[in-house]
C-alpha atoms as a PDB file:
ATOM      1  CA  MET A   1       0.071   0.165  -0.053  1.00  0.00           C
ATOM      2  CA  LYS A   2       2.940   2.411   0.658  1.00  0.00           C
ATOM      3  CA  ASP A   3       4.752   1.772  -2.628  1.00  0.00           C
ATOM      4  CA  ARG A   4       1.199   2.232  -4.212  1.00  0.00           C
ATOM      5  CA  GLY A   5       0.764   5.516  -3.151  1.00  0.00           C
ATOM      6  CA  MET A   6       4.195   6.504  -4.145  1.00  0.00           C
ATOM      7  CA  ASP A   7       3.902   5.478  -7.020  1.00  0.00           C
ATOM      8  CA  THR A   8       0.117   7.019  -7.677  1.00  0.00           C
ATOM      9  CA  ARG A   9       1.892  10.653  -6.641  1.00  0.00           C
ATOM     10  CA  GLY A  10       4.602  10.029  -8.439  1.00  0.00           C
ATOM     11  CA  ARG A  11       2.551   9.508 -11.304  1.00  0.00           C
ATOM     12  CA  TRP A  12       0.338  12.849 -10.548  1.00  0.00           C
ATOM     13  CA  ALA A  13       3.161  15.224  -9.775  1.00  0.00           C
ATOM     14  CA  ARG A  14       4.745  13.857 -13.675  1.00  0.00           C
ATOM     15  CA  ARG A  15       1.566  14.749 -15.374  1.00  0.00           C
ATOM     16  CA  ARG A  16       1.485  18.247 -13.375  1.00  0.00           C
ATOM     17  CA  SER A  17       5.251  18.723 -14.918  1.00  0.00           C
ATOM     18  CA  ALA A  18       3.998  17.721 -18.104  1.00  0.00           C
ATOM     19  CA  GLY A  19       2.225  21.134 -18.461  1.00  0.00           C
ATOM     20  CA  PHE A  20      -1.932  22.324 -18.894  1.00  0.00           C
ATOM     21  CA  THR A  21      -4.336  20.245 -19.988  1.00  0.00           C
ATOM     22  CA  LEU A  22      -6.314  21.911 -23.266  1.00  0.00           C
ATOM     23  CA  VAL A  23      -9.548  22.159 -20.511  1.00  0.00           C
ATOM     24  CA  GLU A  24      -7.262  24.671 -18.354  1.00  0.00           C
ATOM     25  CA  VAL A  25      -5.897  26.611 -21.232  1.00  0.00           C
ATOM     26  CA  LEU A  26      -9.020  27.697 -22.332  1.00  0.00           C
ATOM     27  CA  ALA A  27     -10.545  28.195 -19.032  1.00  0.00           C
ATOM     28  CA  ALA A  28      -7.462  30.511 -18.356  1.00  0.00           C
ATOM     29  CA  LEU A  29      -7.857  32.386 -21.538  1.00  0.00           C
ATOM     30  CA  ALA A  30     -11.491  32.762 -20.901  1.00  0.00           C
ATOM     31  CA  VAL A  31     -10.930  34.472 -17.830  1.00  0.00           C
ATOM     32  CA  MET A  32      -8.191  36.512 -19.297  1.00  0.00           C
ATOM     33  CA  ALA A  33     -10.446  37.931 -21.821  1.00  0.00           C
ATOM     34  CA  VAL A  34     -13.271  38.510 -18.979  1.00  0.00           C
ATOM     35  CA  ALA A  35     -10.750  40.936 -17.337  1.00  0.00           C
ATOM     36  CA  LEU A  36      -9.410  42.562 -20.532  1.00  0.00           C
ATOM     37  CA  ALA A  37     -13.037  43.712 -21.357  1.00  0.00           C
ATOM     38  CA  VAL A  38     -13.951  44.819 -17.588  1.00  0.00           C
ATOM     39  CA  LEU A  39     -10.828  46.597 -17.857  1.00  0.00           C
ATOM     40  CA  ALA A  40     -11.486  47.865 -21.520  1.00  0.00           C
ATOM     41  CA  LEU A  41     -15.092  49.230 -20.144  1.00  0.00           C
ATOM     42  CA  LEU A  42     -13.283  50.694 -17.084  1.00  0.00           C
ATOM     43  CA  ALA A  43     -11.475  52.740 -19.290  1.00  0.00           C
ATOM     44  CA  ALA A  44     -14.212  53.626 -21.377  1.00  0.00           C
ATOM     45  CA  MET A  45     -15.983  55.113 -18.648  1.00  0.00           C
ATOM     46  CA  GLY A  46     -13.193  57.042 -17.184  1.00  0.00           C
ATOM     47  CA  TRP A  47     -12.438  58.543 -20.046  1.00  0.00           C
ATOM     48  CA  ARG A  48     -16.020  59.853 -20.765  1.00  0.00           C
ATOM     49  CA  GLY A  49     -16.244  61.213 -17.309  1.00  0.00           C
ATOM     50  CA  THR A  50     -12.980  62.751 -17.702  1.00  0.00           C
ATOM     51  CA  GLU A  51     -14.108  64.227 -21.032  1.00  0.00           C
ATOM     52  CA  ALA A  52     -17.480  65.365 -19.596  1.00  0.00           C
ATOM     53  CA  LEU A  53     -15.624  66.985 -16.399  1.00  0.00           C
ATOM     54  CA  LEU A  54     -13.136  68.847 -18.860  1.00  0.00           C
ATOM     55  CA  SER A  55     -16.407  69.594 -21.503  1.00  0.00           C
ATOM     56  CA  THR A  56     -18.061  71.166 -18.181  1.00  0.00           C
ATOM     57  CA  ARG A  57     -15.111  72.983 -16.994  1.00  0.00           C
ATOM     58  CA  GLU A  58     -14.736  74.696 -20.342  1.00  0.00           C
ATOM     59  CA  GLY A  59     -18.206  75.885 -20.167  1.00  0.00           C
ATOM     60  CA  VAL A  60     -17.822  77.313 -16.685  1.00  0.00           C
ATOM     61  CA  GLU A  61     -14.792  79.385 -18.012  1.00  0.00           C
ATOM     62  CA  ARG A  62     -17.044  80.547 -20.995  1.00  0.00           C
ATOM     63  CA  THR A  63     -19.687  81.387 -19.384  1.00  0.00           C
ATOM     64  CA  SER A  64     -17.336  83.428 -16.474  1.00  0.00           C
ATOM     65  CA  GLN A  65     -16.116  84.969 -19.146  1.00  0.00           C
ATOM     66  CA  ALA A  66     -19.062  86.443 -20.714  1.00  0.00           C
ATOM     67  CA  LEU A  67     -20.526  87.595 -17.593  1.00  0.00           C
ATOM     68  CA  LEU A  68     -17.040  89.241 -17.058  1.00  0.00           C
ATOM     69  CA  GLY A  69     -17.317  91.092 -20.510  1.00  0.00           C
ATOM     70  CA  TRP A  70     -20.815  92.564 -19.604  1.00  0.00           C
ATOM     71  CA  GLN A  71     -20.025  93.289 -16.150  1.00  0.00           C
ATOM     72  CA  THR A  72     -17.347  95.635 -17.387  1.00  0.00           C
ATOM     73  CA  ALA A  73     -19.166  97.270 -20.190  1.00  0.00           C
ATOM     74  CA  LEU A  74     -22.145  98.313 -18.163  1.00  0.00           C
ATOM     75  CA  ALA A  75     -19.994  99.318 -15.086  1.00  0.00           C
ATOM     76  CA  GLN A  76     -18.167 101.896 -17.946  1.00  0.00           C
ATOM     77  CA  TRP A  77     -21.392 102.827 -19.376  1.00  0.00           C
ATOM     78  CA  GLN A  78     -22.426 103.908 -15.883  1.00  0.00           C
ATOM     79  CA  ALA A  79     -19.257 105.603 -15.178  1.00  0.00           C
ATOM     80  CA  ASP A  80     -19.469 107.893 -18.196  1.00  0.00           C
ATOM     81  CA  TRP A  81     -22.924 108.694 -17.389  1.00  0.00           C
ATOM     82  CA  ASP A  82     -21.416 109.740 -13.680  1.00  0.00           C
ATOM     83  CA  ALA A  83     -18.699 112.093 -15.298  1.00  0.00           C
ATOM     84  CA  SER A  84     -21.544 114.068 -17.717  1.00  0.00           C
ATOM     85  CA  VAL A  85     -21.429 117.452 -17.991  1.00  0.00           C
ATOM     86  CA  THR A  86     -24.674 119.144 -16.736  1.00  0.00           C
ATOM     87  CA  GLY A  87     -23.619 122.561 -16.730  1.00  0.00           C
ATOM     88  CA  ASP A  88     -22.256 124.676 -19.952  1.00  0.00           C
ATOM     89  CA  THR A  89     -19.457 123.357 -22.205  1.00  0.00           C
ATOM     90  CA  PRO A  90     -16.355 124.750 -22.207  1.00  0.00           C
ATOM     91  CA  GLY A  91     -15.409 128.391 -23.232  1.00  0.00           C
ATOM     92  CA  GLY A  92     -18.492 129.382 -21.469  1.00  0.00           C
ATOM     93  CA  GLU A  93     -20.667 128.553 -24.510  1.00  0.00           C
ATOM     94  CA  GLY A  94     -23.936 126.801 -23.689  1.00  0.00           C
ATOM     95  CA  ASP A  95     -25.093 126.412 -27.515  1.00  0.00           C
ATOM     96  CA  LEU A  96     -23.258 122.929 -28.268  1.00  0.00           C
ATOM     97  CA  PRO A  97     -25.306 120.128 -27.238  1.00  0.00           C
ATOM     98  CA  ARG A  98     -24.331 118.219 -24.104  1.00  0.00           C
ATOM     99  CA  TRP A  99     -26.075 115.150 -25.137  1.00  0.00           C
ATOM    100  CA  SER A 100     -28.078 113.715 -27.745  1.00  0.00           C
ATOM    101  CA  ALA A 101     -29.969 110.001 -28.822  1.00  0.00           C
ATOM    102  CA  SER A 102     -30.493 108.604 -32.139  1.00  0.00           C
ATOM    103  CA  ASP A 103     -31.180 105.157 -34.097  1.00  0.00           C
ATOM    104  CA  VAL A 104     -27.047 105.369 -34.602  1.00  0.00           C
ATOM    105  CA  GLY A 105     -26.131 105.669 -30.867  1.00  0.00           C
ATOM    106  CA  VAL A 106     -26.230 107.709 -28.196  1.00  0.00           C
ATOM    107  CA  ARG A 107     -23.267 110.522 -26.990  1.00  0.00           C
ATOM    108  CA  TRP A 108     -22.515 113.068 -24.691  1.00  0.00           C
ATOM    109  CA  VAL A 109     -20.013 115.299 -23.333  1.00  0.00           C
ATOM    110  CA  ARG A 110     -17.833 113.967 -19.794  1.00  0.00           C
ATOM    111  CA  ARG A 111     -15.645 115.156 -18.059  1.00  0.00           C
ATOM    112  CA  THR A 112     -11.929 113.993 -18.365  1.00  0.00           C
ATOM    113  CA  PRO A 113     -11.134 111.346 -15.501  1.00  0.00           C
ATOM    114  CA  ASP A 114      -9.477 112.614 -11.812  1.00  0.00           C
ATOM    115  CA  GLY A 115      -5.254 112.163 -11.825  1.00  0.00           C
ATOM    116  CA  GLY A 116      -2.354 112.736 -13.423  1.00  0.00           C
ATOM    117  CA  ASP A 117      -0.524 116.334 -14.240  1.00  0.00           C
ATOM    118  CA  ALA A 118      -3.429 117.410 -17.091  1.00  0.00           C
ATOM    119  CA  PRO A 119      -5.663 120.143 -16.140  1.00  0.00           C
ATOM    120  CA  PRO A 120      -9.298 119.541 -16.480  1.00  0.00           C
ATOM    121  CA  GLY A 121     -10.820 118.989 -19.457  1.00  0.00           C
ATOM    122  CA  TRP A 122     -14.003 117.494 -21.568  1.00  0.00           C
ATOM    123  CA  GLN A 123     -14.141 114.309 -23.883  1.00  0.00           C
ATOM    124  CA  VAL A 124     -17.102 113.119 -25.823  1.00  0.00           C
ATOM    125  CA  VAL A 125     -18.142 109.908 -25.686  1.00  0.00           C
ATOM    126  CA  ALA A 126     -20.255 107.903 -27.456  1.00  0.00           C
ATOM    127  CA  TRP A 127     -21.832 104.482 -27.345  1.00  0.00           C
ATOM    128  CA  GLY A 128     -23.835 102.790 -29.995  1.00  0.00           C
ATOM    129  CA  PRO A 129     -23.897  99.013 -31.985  1.00  0.00           C
ATOM    130  CA  ALA A 130     -20.995  98.176 -34.363  1.00  0.00           C
ATOM    131  CA  VAL A 131     -20.175  95.058 -36.416  1.00  0.00           C
ATOM    132  CA  ASP A 132     -16.438  93.541 -35.574  1.00  0.00           C
ATOM    133  CA  ALA A 133     -14.418  91.655 -38.364  1.00  0.00           C
ATOM    134  CA  SER A 134     -16.391  88.556 -37.974  1.00  0.00           C
ATOM    135  CA  GLY A 135     -19.745  90.141 -38.638  1.00  0.00           C
ATOM    136  CA  GLN A 136     -20.607  89.972 -34.957  1.00  0.00           C
ATOM    137  CA  ARG A 137     -22.620  93.102 -33.797  1.00  0.00           C
ATOM    138  CA  ARG A 138     -20.962  94.587 -30.806  1.00  0.00           C
ATOM    139  CA  TRP A 139     -22.638  97.347 -28.252  1.00  0.00           C
ATOM    140  CA  THR A 140     -19.611  99.781 -28.582  1.00  0.00           C
ATOM    141  CA  ARG A 141     -18.074 102.796 -27.117  1.00  0.00           C
ATOM    142  CA  TRP A 142     -15.537 105.727 -28.770  1.00  0.00           C
ATOM    143  CA  VAL A 143     -14.201 108.773 -26.251  1.00  0.00           C
ATOM    144  CA  SER A 144     -12.084 111.387 -27.776  1.00  0.00           C
ATOM    145  CA  ALA A 145      -9.272 112.522 -26.392  1.00  0.00           C
ATOM    146  CA  PRO A 146      -9.285 115.410 -23.596  1.00  0.00           C
ATOM    147  CA  VAL A 147     -10.404 119.189 -25.077  1.00  0.00           C
ATOM    148  CA  ARG A 148     -10.255 122.137 -23.213  1.00  0.00           C
ATOM    149  CA  ASP A 149     -11.679 124.767 -25.977  1.00  0.00           C
ATOM    150  CA  HIS A 150     -15.169 124.664 -27.759  1.00  0.00           C
ATOM    151  CA  ALA A 151     -13.879 124.210 -31.063  1.00  0.00           C
ATOM    152  CA  ALA A 152     -12.059 120.831 -30.440  1.00  0.00           C
ATOM    153  CA  LEU A 153     -15.163 119.929 -28.400  1.00  0.00           C
ATOM    154  CA  GLY A 154     -17.511 120.797 -31.406  1.00  0.00           C
ATOM    155  CA  ILE A 155     -15.182 118.901 -33.856  1.00  0.00           C
ATOM    156  CA  ALA A 156     -15.259 115.510 -31.536  1.00  0.00           C
ATOM    157  CA  TRP A 157     -18.828 115.954 -31.321  1.00  0.00           C
ATOM    158  CA  ALA A 158     -19.310 115.952 -34.873  1.00  0.00           C
ATOM    159  CA  THR A 159     -17.480 112.812 -35.609  1.00  0.00           C
ATOM    160  CA  ALA A 160     -18.334 111.032 -32.726  1.00  0.00           C
ATOM    161  CA  LEU A 161     -21.118 108.729 -34.032  1.00  0.00           C
ATOM    162  CA  SER A 162     -19.543 108.114 -36.855  1.00  0.00           C
ATOM    163  CA  ARG A 163     -16.218 107.017 -35.659  1.00  0.00           C
ATOM    164  CA  LEU A 164     -18.212 104.326 -33.350  1.00  0.00           C
ATOM    165  CA  GLY A 165     -17.985 101.723 -36.428  1.00  0.00           C
ATOM    166  CA  SER A 166     -14.213 102.691 -37.250  1.00  0.00           C
ATOM    167  CA  ASP A 167     -12.457 103.438 -33.882  1.00  0.00           C
ATOM    168  CA  GLY A 168     -15.031 102.452 -31.277  1.00  0.00           C
ATOM    169  CA  VAL A 169     -14.109  99.587 -28.748  1.00  0.00           C
ATOM    170  CA  ARG A 170     -16.402  96.355 -29.138  1.00  0.00           C
ATOM    171  CA  THR A 171     -17.461  95.274 -26.195  1.00  0.00           C
ATOM    172  CA  VAL A 172     -20.736  92.636 -25.898  1.00  0.00           C
ATOM    173  CA  PRO A 173     -22.505  91.028 -28.543  1.00  0.00           C
ATOM    174  CA  ILE A 174     -26.086  92.287 -28.711  1.00  0.00           C
ATOM    175  CA  GLU A 175     -29.181  91.792 -31.435  1.00  0.00           C
ATOM    176  CA  GLY A 176     -30.491  95.201 -30.482  1.00  0.00           C
ATOM    177  CA  TRP A 177     -30.912  98.139 -27.860  1.00  0.00           C
ATOM    178  CA  THR A 178     -33.311 100.139 -26.688  1.00  0.00           C
ATOM    179  CA  LEU A 179     -32.891 103.538 -24.650  1.00  0.00           C
ATOM    180  CA  GLN A 180     -35.519 105.481 -22.543  1.00  0.00           C
ATOM    181  CA  VAL A 181     -35.111 108.630 -20.385  1.00  0.00           C
ATOM    182  CA  TRP A 182     -36.852 110.169 -17.436  1.00  0.00           C
ATOM    183  CA  ARG A 183     -38.980 113.105 -18.257  1.00  0.00           C
ATOM    184  CA  ASP A 184     -42.118 114.211 -16.400  1.00  0.00           C
ATOM    185  CA  GLY A 185     -42.327 111.429 -13.877  1.00  0.00           C
ATOM    186  CA  GLY A 186     -42.135 108.213 -16.291  1.00  0.00           C
ATOM    187  CA  TRP A 187     -39.739 106.991 -18.937  1.00  0.00           C
ATOM    188  CA  ARG A 188     -39.908 108.287 -22.235  1.00  0.00           C
ATOM    189  CA  PRO A 189     -37.947 108.103 -25.768  1.00  0.00           C
ATOM    190  CA  PRO A 190     -35.049 109.830 -25.713  1.00  0.00           C
ATOM    191  CA  ASP A 191     -35.399 113.886 -26.793  1.00  0.00           C
ATOM    192  CA  ASP A 192     -33.424 117.111 -27.564  1.00  0.00           C
ATOM    193  CA  GLY A 193     -33.548 118.107 -23.884  1.00  0.00           C
ATOM    194  CA  PRO A 194     -30.902 118.886 -21.559  1.00  0.00           C
ATOM    195  CA  PRO A 195     -29.307 115.792 -20.071  1.00  0.00           C
ATOM    196  CA  PRO A 196     -31.509 113.330 -18.880  1.00  0.00           C
ATOM    197  CA  PRO A 197     -32.030 112.501 -14.866  1.00  0.00           C
ATOM    198  CA  ALA A 198     -32.018 109.185 -15.398  1.00  0.00           C
ATOM    199  CA  VAL A 199     -31.149 106.886 -18.467  1.00  0.00           C
ATOM    200  CA  ARG A 200     -32.517 103.454 -18.912  1.00  0.00           C
ATOM    201  CA  LEU A 201     -30.342 100.762 -21.354  1.00  0.00           C
ATOM    202  CA  VAL A 202     -31.908  97.519 -22.351  1.00  0.00           C
ATOM    203  CA  LEU A 203     -29.458  95.129 -24.338  1.00  0.00           C
ATOM    204  CA  GLN A 204     -30.970  92.311 -26.082  1.00  0.00           C
ATOM    205  CA  PRO A 205     -27.957  89.830 -26.182  1.00  0.00           C
ATOM    206  CA  ALA A 206     -26.674  87.897 -29.060  1.00  0.00           C
ATOM    207  CA  ALA A 207     -28.441  84.551 -29.764  1.00  0.00           C
ATOM    208  CA  GLY A 208     -26.141  81.606 -28.360  1.00  0.00           C
ATOM    209  CA  THR A 209     -24.581  83.995 -25.578  1.00  0.00           C
ATOM    210  CA  ALA A 210     -24.497  83.473 -21.971  1.00  0.00           C
ATOM    211  CA  LEU A 211     -27.652  85.178 -21.114  1.00  0.00           C
ATOM    212  CA  GLY A 212     -30.443  84.274 -22.648  1.00  0.00           C
ATOM    213  CA  GLY A 213     -32.792  87.375 -21.799  1.00  0.00           C
ATOM    214  CA  PRO A 214     -32.393  91.198 -22.347  1.00  0.00           C
ATOM    215  CA  VAL A 215     -29.966  92.814 -19.923  1.00  0.00           C
ATOM    216  CA  GLN A 216     -31.390  96.253 -18.235  1.00  0.00           C
ATOM    217  CA  VAL A 217     -29.288  98.826 -16.527  1.00  0.00           C
ATOM    218  CA  ASP A 218     -30.517 101.952 -14.998  1.00  0.00           C
ATOM    219  CA  TRP A 219     -28.443 105.263 -14.698  1.00  0.00           C
ATOM    220  CA  VAL A 220     -29.472 107.913 -12.035  1.00  0.00           C
ATOM    221  CA  ALA A 221     -27.601 110.969 -11.670  1.00  0.00           C
ATOM    222  CA  PRO A 222     -25.334 110.887  -8.548  1.00  0.00           C
ATOM    223  CA  ARG A 223     -27.109 114.377  -7.530  1.00  0.00           C
ATOM    224  CA  ILE A 224     -30.592 113.103  -7.272  1.00  0.00           C
ATOM    225  CA  ALA A 225     -29.188 109.400  -6.423  1.00  0.00           C
ATOM    226  CA  GLY A 226     -27.627 111.246  -3.221  1.00  0.00           C
ATOM    227  CA  GLY A 227     -23.841 110.308  -4.642  1.00  0.00           C
ATOM    228  CA  LYS A 228     -25.192 106.687  -5.629  1.00  0.00           C
ATOM    229  CA  ARG A 229     -26.003 105.181  -8.911  1.00  0.00           C
END
């Protein structure tokens, strides 16, 4: 019995040392195939997740940049109105218009920004729609160099709206715009009267932008709003 057991174990050891059977090889290959399939699935899921994450991040960045552009443009619009001239224009003559609005755009006379060694002066600022190089309509700003006499101011005034398209700074993309002024206790269409105490601007963003509806900004003269916009 002892010798027979040793002989059986010896034959089993010799069989194992000879290699794997076909069934064992096929089973191992099947396991490897399943493992590779699982790894491929996990890799595909991981790539889709990474791609979705990157796409979401890019969308958030585009939206943030677009909103920052709108905020900057509207802040500049209000700053220009805060500096608008309410008294006579330079030279002691009051016959030059201090503001006007039309379908082309709106323009007014503003004081030069404070600071620097240059003496105080005046500028003509104009806002309106203009088309950029790609054909996109944008809300555009043009401002003249500082002037200190009536003749130079008249030249800047006469050319302000025409220079929107050639020299203006394009800001946010728009489809359209409307302007109203506060007169006689209500919002009215622009007129040829003195500079208004309050202005309402409504911009319709271009299709496909981060903003889905009209953007309205109301400006009130600091002398009326107690020094606040």
